[in-house]
Amino acid sequence: MESDFTTVFLYFVKDYLLPDWNTIVPTAPGSEAKNAADRTYIAFAKERGLPLITNEGYGGNGFVDEKMRKLAKDEGVSVYAPREFYTGKINEAEEIEAFLQRFRDQAPRYVDARKKQHGADDQGAGLLTWIYGYYRMILRGEVEQRSTPVRLSVI
């Protein structure tokens, strides 16, 4: 599921739903992993004067400045959770609804493209249905066949 989710993110969400997204990080992966990867992101952000946006360090007691968050702050890089970064800049409810509407509108086009590429028995439609449900749960706390939203913690 992880590779399918990543594939759908790269080729559907990014390309179909967020086409104006300017990916600043190079697309060619390096050999870095774990702490080395964190340091690479921090160096990239520091060199370009960019903030680092991450959920790393989030737990039951809120955010803890350790690991990547601490390394970034020690290097003078601003670190934000996504909500910290966009608060006051967007209307969250409107943006969520617009994203989900784009998902519904663009899904048939993406499924058709996958069928042309992979054949008529491609399972892309089922995968998108699952991922759409995942986004609804994460973004709005809604779960299929449940009458009340799931309680989500607020950062």
N, C-alpha and C. Protein backbone atom coordinates (compact mmCIF):
# COMPACT_ATOMS: atom_id res chain seq x y z
N MET A 1 0.83 -1.20 0.00
CA MET A 1 0.00 0.00 0.00
C MET A 1 0.87 1.26 0.00
N GLU A 2 2.00 1.23 0.72
CA GLU A 2 2.84 2.44 0.78
C GLU A 2 3.32 2.86 -0.60
N SER A 3 3.76 1.89 -1.42
CA SER A 3 4.24 2.26 -2.75
C SER A 3 3.10 2.73 -3.64
N ASP A 4 1.91 2.10 -3.51
CA ASP A 4 0.76 2.55 -4.29
C ASP A 4 0.36 3.96 -3.89
N PHE A 5 0.36 4.22 -2.58
CA PHE A 5 -0.01 5.56 -2.11
C PHE A 5 0.98 6.59 -2.64
N THR A 6 2.26 6.28 -2.59
CA THR A 6 3.29 7.20 -3.09
C THR A 6 3.13 7.42 -4.59
N THR A 7 2.88 6.35 -5.32
CA THR A 7 2.69 6.46 -6.77
C THR A 7 1.50 7.36 -7.09
N VAL A 8 0.39 7.13 -6.39
CA VAL A 8 -0.80 7.96 -6.63
C VAL A 8 -0.52 9.41 -6.25
N PHE A 9 0.21 9.62 -5.17
CA PHE A 9 0.54 10.99 -4.80
C PHE A 9 1.35 11.66 -5.91
N LEU A 10 2.37 10.99 -6.39
CA LEU A 10 3.25 11.59 -7.40
C LEU A 10 2.54 11.82 -8.73
N TYR A 11 1.77 10.82 -9.18
CA TYR A 11 1.22 10.90 -10.53
C TYR A 11 -0.23 11.35 -10.60
N PHE A 12 -0.94 11.37 -9.49
CA PHE A 12 -2.30 11.89 -9.50
C PHE A 12 -2.41 13.17 -8.69
N VAL A 13 -2.15 13.09 -7.40
CA VAL A 13 -2.33 14.26 -6.54
C VAL A 13 -1.47 15.42 -7.02
N LYS A 14 -0.18 15.19 -7.18
CA LYS A 14 0.71 16.28 -7.57
C LYS A 14 0.39 16.77 -8.99
N ASP A 15 0.27 15.86 -9.95
CA ASP A 15 0.09 16.27 -11.34
C ASP A 15 -1.33 16.72 -11.68
N TYR A 16 -2.35 16.08 -11.13
CA TYR A 16 -3.73 16.39 -11.49
C TYR A 16 -4.38 17.39 -10.53
N LEU A 17 -4.09 17.26 -9.23
CA LEU A 17 -4.79 18.08 -8.24
C LEU A 17 -4.02 19.32 -7.82
N LEU A 18 -2.71 19.24 -7.85
CA LEU A 18 -1.85 20.35 -7.42
C LEU A 18 -0.83 20.69 -8.52
N PRO A 19 -1.30 20.95 -9.75
CA PRO A 19 -0.37 21.12 -10.87
C PRO A 19 0.53 22.36 -10.75
N ASP A 20 0.15 23.32 -9.94
CA ASP A 20 0.98 24.52 -9.79
C ASP A 20 2.01 24.39 -8.66
N TRP A 21 2.05 23.23 -8.03
CA TRP A 21 3.00 23.00 -6.95
C TRP A 21 4.42 23.07 -7.52
N ASN A 22 5.20 23.94 -6.94
CA ASN A 22 6.58 24.11 -7.38
C ASN A 22 7.47 23.28 -6.47
N THR A 23 7.89 22.12 -6.96
CA THR A 23 8.75 21.27 -6.16
C THR A 23 10.16 21.85 -6.17
N ILE A 24 10.61 22.24 -5.03
CA ILE A 24 11.92 22.88 -4.93
C ILE A 24 13.01 21.85 -4.70
N VAL A 25 12.69 20.78 -3.99
CA VAL A 25 13.70 19.76 -3.72
C VAL A 25 13.97 19.00 -5.01
N PRO A 26 15.22 18.73 -5.31
CA PRO A 26 15.53 18.00 -6.55
C PRO A 26 14.79 16.67 -6.59
N THR A 27 14.35 16.28 -7.78
CA THR A 27 13.60 15.04 -7.91
C THR A 27 14.51 13.82 -7.94
N ALA A 28 15.79 13.98 -8.28
CA ALA A 28 16.70 12.85 -8.30
C ALA A 28 17.08 12.51 -6.86
N PRO A 29 16.73 11.31 -6.41
CA PRO A 29 17.03 10.98 -5.02
C PRO A 29 18.53 10.79 -4.81
N GLY A 30 18.96 11.13 -3.62
CA GLY A 30 20.33 10.87 -3.24
C GLY A 30 20.40 9.54 -2.53
N SER A 31 21.52 9.26 -1.96
CA SER A 31 21.68 7.98 -1.25
C SER A 31 21.44 8.16 0.25
N GLU A 32 21.06 9.38 0.65
CA GLU A 32 20.88 9.66 2.07
C GLU A 32 19.66 8.94 2.63
N ALA A 33 19.77 8.56 3.88
CA ALA A 33 18.65 7.94 4.58
C ALA A 33 18.70 8.38 6.03
N LYS A 34 17.54 8.35 6.66
CA LYS A 34 17.41 8.65 8.09
C LYS A 34 18.02 10.00 8.46
N ASN A 35 18.95 10.04 9.40
CA ASN A 35 19.53 11.30 9.86
C ASN A 35 20.27 12.05 8.76
N ALA A 36 20.92 11.31 7.87
CA ALA A 36 21.63 11.96 6.76
C ALA A 36 20.64 12.65 5.83
N ALA A 37 19.49 12.04 5.62
CA ALA A 37 18.46 12.66 4.78
C ALA A 37 17.94 13.93 5.45
N ASP A 38 17.72 13.86 6.77
CA ASP A 38 17.28 15.05 7.51
C ASP A 38 18.29 16.18 7.34
N ARG A 39 19.55 15.87 7.49
CA ARG A 39 20.59 16.90 7.36
C ARG A 39 20.63 17.48 5.95
N THR A 40 20.36 16.65 4.95
CA THR A 40 20.33 17.13 3.57
C THR A 40 19.19 18.12 3.37
N TYR A 41 18.00 17.81 3.89
CA TYR A 41 16.87 18.74 3.80
C TYR A 41 17.18 20.04 4.54
N ILE A 42 17.78 19.93 5.70
CA ILE A 42 18.11 21.12 6.49
C ILE A 42 19.11 21.99 5.74
N ALA A 43 20.13 21.38 5.18
CA ALA A 43 21.14 22.13 4.42
C ALA A 43 20.50 22.80 3.21
N PHE A 44 19.62 22.09 2.52
CA PHE A 44 18.92 22.64 1.36
C PHE A 44 18.12 23.87 1.76
N ALA A 45 17.35 23.74 2.85
CA ALA A 45 16.54 24.86 3.33
C ALA A 45 17.41 26.03 3.76
N LYS A 46 18.49 25.75 4.45
CA LYS A 46 19.38 26.81 4.93
C LYS A 46 20.03 27.56 3.77
N GLU A 47 20.52 26.83 2.78
CA GLU A 47 21.17 27.45 1.62
C GLU A 47 20.23 28.39 0.87
N ARG A 48 18.95 28.07 0.85
CA ARG A 48 17.98 28.84 0.07
C ARG A 48 17.10 29.76 0.92
N GLY A 49 17.34 29.77 2.22
CA GLY A 49 16.54 30.62 3.11
C GLY A 49 15.08 30.19 3.19
N LEU A 50 14.83 28.89 3.12
CA LEU A 50 13.47 28.36 3.14
C LEU A 50 13.12 27.80 4.51
N PRO A 51 11.85 27.81 4.86
CA PRO A 51 11.44 27.14 6.11
C PRO A 51 11.38 25.64 5.86
N LEU A 52 11.47 24.88 6.90
CA LEU A 52 11.30 23.43 6.84
C LEU A 52 9.92 23.13 7.43
N ILE A 53 9.09 22.44 6.67
CA ILE A 53 7.73 22.13 7.12
C ILE A 53 7.64 20.62 7.32
N THR A 54 7.36 20.21 8.55
CA THR A 54 7.37 18.79 8.88
C THR A 54 6.44 18.50 10.06
N ASN A 55 5.95 17.29 10.10
CA ASN A 55 5.19 16.82 11.26
C ASN A 55 6.08 16.04 12.21
N GLU A 56 7.34 15.89 11.86
CA GLU A 56 8.25 15.15 12.74
C GLU A 56 8.31 15.82 14.10
N GLY A 57 8.34 15.02 15.12
CA GLY A 57 8.42 15.54 16.47
C GLY A 57 7.06 15.71 17.13
N TYR A 58 5.97 15.40 16.39
CA TYR A 58 4.64 15.55 16.95
C TYR A 58 4.27 14.30 17.74
N GLY A 59 3.77 14.50 18.93
CA GLY A 59 3.33 13.39 19.77
C GLY A 59 2.17 13.80 20.63
N GLY A 60 1.86 12.99 21.60
CA GLY A 60 0.71 13.23 22.47
C GLY A 60 0.79 14.53 23.24
N ASN A 61 1.97 15.04 23.45
CA ASN A 61 2.15 16.30 24.19
C ASN A 61 2.45 17.48 23.28
N GLY A 62 2.11 17.35 22.01
CA GLY A 62 2.40 18.43 21.06
C GLY A 62 3.75 18.20 20.39
N PHE A 63 4.39 19.26 19.96
CA PHE A 63 5.67 19.16 19.27
C PHE A 63 6.82 19.24 20.25
N VAL A 64 7.80 18.41 20.00
CA VAL A 64 9.02 18.40 20.78
C VAL A 64 10.16 18.70 19.83
N ASP A 65 10.98 19.68 20.19
CA ASP A 65 12.11 20.03 19.34
C ASP A 65 13.25 19.05 19.60
N GLU A 66 13.20 17.95 18.87
CA GLU A 66 14.27 16.97 18.92
C GLU A 66 14.50 16.46 17.51
N LYS A 67 15.54 15.74 17.31
CA LYS A 67 15.89 15.17 16.00
C LYS A 67 15.92 16.26 14.94
N MET A 68 15.16 16.09 13.85
CA MET A 68 15.24 17.01 12.73
C MET A 68 14.85 18.43 13.13
N ARG A 69 13.81 18.58 13.93
CA ARG A 69 13.39 19.92 14.35
C ARG A 69 14.51 20.63 15.11
N LYS A 70 15.15 19.91 16.01
CA LYS A 70 16.24 20.50 16.79
C LYS A 70 17.43 20.81 15.89
N LEU A 71 17.80 19.87 15.02
CA LEU A 71 18.92 20.11 14.10
C LEU A 71 18.67 21.35 13.25
N ALA A 72 17.44 21.48 12.73
CA ALA A 72 17.11 22.62 11.89
C ALA A 72 17.23 23.93 12.67
N LYS A 73 16.64 23.97 13.85
CA LYS A 73 16.71 25.18 14.66
C LYS A 73 18.15 25.52 15.04
N ASP A 74 18.95 24.49 15.33
CA ASP A 74 20.37 24.72 15.65
C ASP A 74 21.12 25.33 14.46
N GLU A 75 20.63 25.04 13.24
CA GLU A 75 21.25 25.58 12.02
C GLU A 75 20.62 26.91 11.60
N GLY A 76 19.67 27.40 12.38
CA GLY A 76 19.02 28.67 12.07
C GLY A 76 17.92 28.57 11.03
N VAL A 77 17.43 27.35 10.80
CA VAL A 77 16.35 27.14 9.83
C VAL A 77 15.02 27.17 10.58
N SER A 78 14.08 27.95 10.10
CA SER A 78 12.74 28.00 10.69
C SER A 78 12.03 26.67 10.44
N VAL A 79 11.40 26.14 11.48
CA VAL A 79 10.70 24.86 11.37
C VAL A 79 9.24 25.06 11.76
N TYR A 80 8.35 24.53 10.93
CA TYR A 80 6.91 24.65 11.17
C TYR A 80 6.23 23.31 10.94
N ALA A 81 5.18 23.06 11.70
CA ALA A 81 4.21 22.04 11.33
C ALA A 81 3.37 22.66 10.22
N PRO A 82 2.76 21.85 9.35
CA PRO A 82 1.96 22.45 8.27
C PRO A 82 0.97 23.49 8.76
N ARG A 83 0.20 23.17 9.81
CA ARG A 83 -0.82 24.10 10.29
C ARG A 83 -0.18 25.39 10.81
N GLU A 84 0.97 25.28 11.47
CA GLU A 84 1.66 26.48 11.95
C GLU A 84 2.04 27.38 10.78
N PHE A 85 2.42 26.77 9.67
CA PHE A 85 2.88 27.53 8.52
C PHE A 85 1.74 28.26 7.80
N TYR A 86 0.59 27.60 7.66
CA TYR A 86 -0.47 28.22 6.86
C TYR A 86 -1.53 28.97 7.66
N THR A 87 -1.51 28.88 8.98
CA THR A 87 -2.53 29.56 9.78
C THR A 87 -2.57 31.05 9.44
N GLY A 88 -3.78 31.54 9.19
CA GLY A 88 -3.98 32.94 8.86
C GLY A 88 -3.73 33.29 7.40
N LYS A 89 -3.28 32.29 6.61
CA LYS A 89 -2.98 32.55 5.20
C LYS A 89 -4.03 31.97 4.26
N ILE A 90 -4.81 31.00 4.74
CA ILE A 90 -5.82 30.37 3.91
C ILE A 90 -7.07 30.10 4.74
N ASN A 91 -8.18 29.84 4.05
CA ASN A 91 -9.39 29.35 4.70
C ASN A 91 -9.34 27.84 4.59
N GLU A 92 -9.00 27.18 5.69
CA GLU A 92 -8.75 25.74 5.68
C GLU A 92 -9.95 24.94 5.15
N ALA A 93 -11.15 25.25 5.63
CA ALA A 93 -12.34 24.49 5.21
C ALA A 93 -12.57 24.62 3.70
N GLU A 94 -12.41 25.83 3.16
CA GLU A 94 -12.59 26.02 1.72
C GLU A 94 -11.53 25.28 0.92
N GLU A 95 -10.30 25.32 1.39
CA GLU A 95 -9.21 24.63 0.68
C GLU A 95 -9.39 23.12 0.70
N ILE A 96 -9.85 22.59 1.82
CA ILE A 96 -10.10 21.15 1.92
C ILE A 96 -11.20 20.75 0.94
N GLU A 97 -12.30 21.50 0.94
CA GLU A 97 -13.40 21.17 0.03
C GLU A 97 -12.96 21.29 -1.43
N ALA A 98 -12.19 22.31 -1.75
CA ALA A 98 -11.71 22.49 -3.12
C ALA A 98 -10.80 21.32 -3.53
N PHE A 99 -9.93 20.89 -2.62
CA PHE A 99 -9.05 19.76 -2.90
C PHE A 99 -9.86 18.48 -3.15
N LEU A 100 -10.82 18.21 -2.27
CA LEU A 100 -11.63 17.00 -2.43
C LEU A 100 -12.48 17.07 -3.70
N GLN A 101 -12.95 18.26 -4.05
CA GLN A 101 -13.73 18.40 -5.29
C GLN A 101 -12.84 18.15 -6.51
N ARG A 102 -11.62 18.69 -6.50
CA ARG A 102 -10.69 18.41 -7.60
C ARG A 102 -10.40 16.92 -7.69
N PHE A 103 -10.28 16.26 -6.54
CA PHE A 103 -10.05 14.82 -6.52
C PHE A 103 -11.19 14.11 -7.26
N ARG A 104 -12.43 14.44 -6.88
CA ARG A 104 -13.59 13.80 -7.51
C ARG A 104 -13.66 14.12 -9.00
N ASP A 105 -13.35 15.36 -9.37
CA ASP A 105 -13.44 15.77 -10.77
C ASP A 105 -12.37 15.12 -11.63
N GLN A 106 -11.17 14.97 -11.10
CA GLN A 106 -10.03 14.50 -11.89
C GLN A 106 -9.84 12.98 -11.86
N ALA A 107 -10.44 12.31 -10.88
CA ALA A 107 -10.25 10.86 -10.75
C ALA A 107 -10.61 10.09 -12.03
N PRO A 108 -11.75 10.36 -12.67
CA PRO A 108 -12.06 9.60 -13.89
C PRO A 108 -11.01 9.76 -14.99
N ARG A 109 -10.48 10.94 -15.15
CA ARG A 109 -9.45 11.18 -16.17
C ARG A 109 -8.19 10.38 -15.86
N TYR A 110 -7.79 10.36 -14.58
CA TYR A 110 -6.60 9.60 -14.18
C TYR A 110 -6.83 8.10 -14.34
N VAL A 111 -8.00 7.61 -13.95
CA VAL A 111 -8.31 6.19 -14.09
C VAL A 111 -8.28 5.79 -15.56
N ASP A 112 -8.83 6.62 -16.43
CA ASP A 112 -8.79 6.32 -17.88
C ASP A 112 -7.35 6.27 -18.39
N ALA A 113 -6.52 7.20 -17.95
CA ALA A 113 -5.12 7.21 -18.37
C ALA A 113 -4.40 5.95 -17.89
N ARG A 114 -4.68 5.53 -16.66
CA ARG A 114 -4.06 4.30 -16.13
C ARG A 114 -4.50 3.08 -16.93
N LYS A 115 -5.79 3.02 -17.29
CA LYS A 115 -6.28 1.88 -18.06
C LYS A 115 -5.62 1.82 -19.44
N LYS A 116 -5.39 2.97 -20.04
CA LYS A 116 -4.69 3.00 -21.33
C LYS A 116 -3.26 2.50 -21.18
N GLN A 117 -2.64 2.84 -20.07
CA GLN A 117 -1.25 2.46 -19.85
C GLN A 117 -1.11 1.02 -19.35
N HIS A 118 -2.01 0.57 -18.45
CA HIS A 118 -1.85 -0.72 -17.78
C HIS A 118 -2.86 -1.78 -18.20
N GLY A 119 -3.85 -1.41 -19.00
CA GLY A 119 -4.86 -2.38 -19.43
C GLY A 119 -6.17 -2.20 -18.69
N ALA A 120 -7.20 -2.82 -19.25
CA ALA A 120 -8.57 -2.64 -18.74
C ALA A 120 -8.77 -3.18 -17.33
N ASP A 121 -7.93 -4.12 -16.90
CA ASP A 121 -8.10 -4.69 -15.56
C ASP A 121 -7.30 -3.94 -14.49
N ASP A 122 -6.79 -2.76 -14.81
CA ASP A 122 -6.05 -1.96 -13.84
C ASP A 122 -6.95 -1.65 -12.64
N GLN A 123 -6.38 -1.67 -11.46
CA GLN A 123 -7.14 -1.47 -10.23
C GLN A 123 -7.05 -0.04 -9.69
N GLY A 124 -6.71 0.91 -10.56
CA GLY A 124 -6.54 2.29 -10.14
C GLY A 124 -7.79 2.90 -9.53
N ALA A 125 -8.97 2.55 -10.03
CA ALA A 125 -10.21 3.14 -9.50
C ALA A 125 -10.40 2.73 -8.04
N GLY A 126 -10.16 1.48 -7.72
CA GLY A 126 -10.29 1.03 -6.33
C GLY A 126 -9.27 1.68 -5.43
N LEU A 127 -8.08 1.82 -5.94
CA LEU A 127 -7.03 2.47 -5.17
C LEU A 127 -7.39 3.93 -4.88
N LEU A 128 -7.89 4.64 -5.90
CA LEU A 128 -8.29 6.04 -5.69
C LEU A 128 -9.44 6.14 -4.70
N THR A 129 -10.35 5.20 -4.74
CA THR A 129 -11.47 5.20 -3.79
C THR A 129 -10.93 5.10 -2.36
N TRP A 130 -9.99 4.20 -2.15
CA TRP A 130 -9.39 4.03 -0.82
C TRP A 130 -8.67 5.31 -0.40
N ILE A 131 -7.87 5.87 -1.29
CA ILE A 131 -7.09 7.07 -0.97
C ILE A 131 -8.02 8.26 -0.74
N TYR A 132 -9.09 8.38 -1.50
CA TYR A 132 -10.05 9.46 -1.28
C TYR A 132 -10.64 9.34 0.13
N GLY A 133 -10.97 8.13 0.54
CA GLY A 133 -11.47 7.92 1.90
C GLY A 133 -10.43 8.29 2.95
N TYR A 134 -9.19 7.98 2.67
CA TYR A 134 -8.10 8.34 3.59
C TYR A 134 -8.00 9.86 3.73
N TYR A 135 -8.04 10.58 2.61
CA TYR A 135 -7.99 12.04 2.67
C TYR A 135 -9.19 12.61 3.41
N ARG A 136 -10.38 12.06 3.19
CA ARG A 136 -11.56 12.53 3.93
C ARG A 136 -11.37 12.34 5.42
N MET A 137 -10.80 11.20 5.82
CA MET A 137 -10.58 10.95 7.24
C MET A 137 -9.55 11.94 7.80
N ILE A 138 -8.45 12.13 7.11
CA ILE A 138 -7.38 13.00 7.59
C ILE A 138 -7.82 14.47 7.58
N LEU A 139 -8.47 14.89 6.50
CA LEU A 139 -8.79 16.31 6.34
C LEU A 139 -10.08 16.74 7.05
N ARG A 140 -11.07 15.84 7.13
CA ARG A 140 -12.34 16.24 7.72
C ARG A 140 -12.81 15.34 8.86
N GLY A 141 -12.08 14.27 9.14
CA GLY A 141 -12.49 13.35 10.21
C GLY A 141 -13.65 12.47 9.82
N GLU A 142 -13.94 12.38 8.53
CA GLU A 142 -15.07 11.58 8.07
C GLU A 142 -14.61 10.17 7.71
N VAL A 143 -15.42 9.20 8.14
CA VAL A 143 -15.14 7.80 7.85
C VAL A 143 -16.40 7.19 7.26
N GLU A 144 -16.22 6.44 6.17
CA GLU A 144 -17.35 5.78 5.50
C GLU A 144 -18.15 4.96 6.50
N GLN A 145 -19.45 5.01 6.40
CA GLN A 145 -20.38 4.25 7.22
C GLN A 145 -20.30 4.62 8.71
N ARG A 146 -19.96 5.86 8.99
CA ARG A 146 -19.95 6.35 10.37
C ARG A 146 -20.69 7.68 10.36
N SER A 147 -21.66 7.85 11.24
CA SER A 147 -22.50 9.03 11.20
C SER A 147 -21.87 10.27 11.83
N THR A 148 -20.89 10.09 12.69
CA THR A 148 -20.24 11.25 13.31
C THR A 148 -18.76 11.25 12.94
N PRO A 149 -18.19 12.43 12.81
CA PRO A 149 -16.77 12.49 12.46
C PRO A 149 -15.88 11.87 13.54
N VAL A 150 -14.75 11.36 13.09
CA VAL A 150 -13.74 10.86 14.00
C VAL A 150 -13.09 12.06 14.67
N ARG A 151 -12.81 11.97 15.96
CA ARG A 151 -12.17 13.08 16.66
C ARG A 151 -10.69 13.12 16.25
N LEU A 152 -10.27 14.26 15.73
CA LEU A 152 -8.88 14.46 15.34
C LEU A 152 -8.26 15.46 16.28
N SER A 153 -7.00 15.25 16.60
CA SER A 153 -6.34 16.23 17.48
C SER A 153 -6.01 17.47 16.66
N VAL A 154 -6.02 18.59 17.31
CA VAL A 154 -5.71 19.86 16.67
C VAL A 154 -4.34 20.30 17.15
N ILE A 155 -3.50 20.61 16.20
CA ILE A 155 -2.14 21.06 16.54
C ILE A 155 -2.18 22.48 17.01
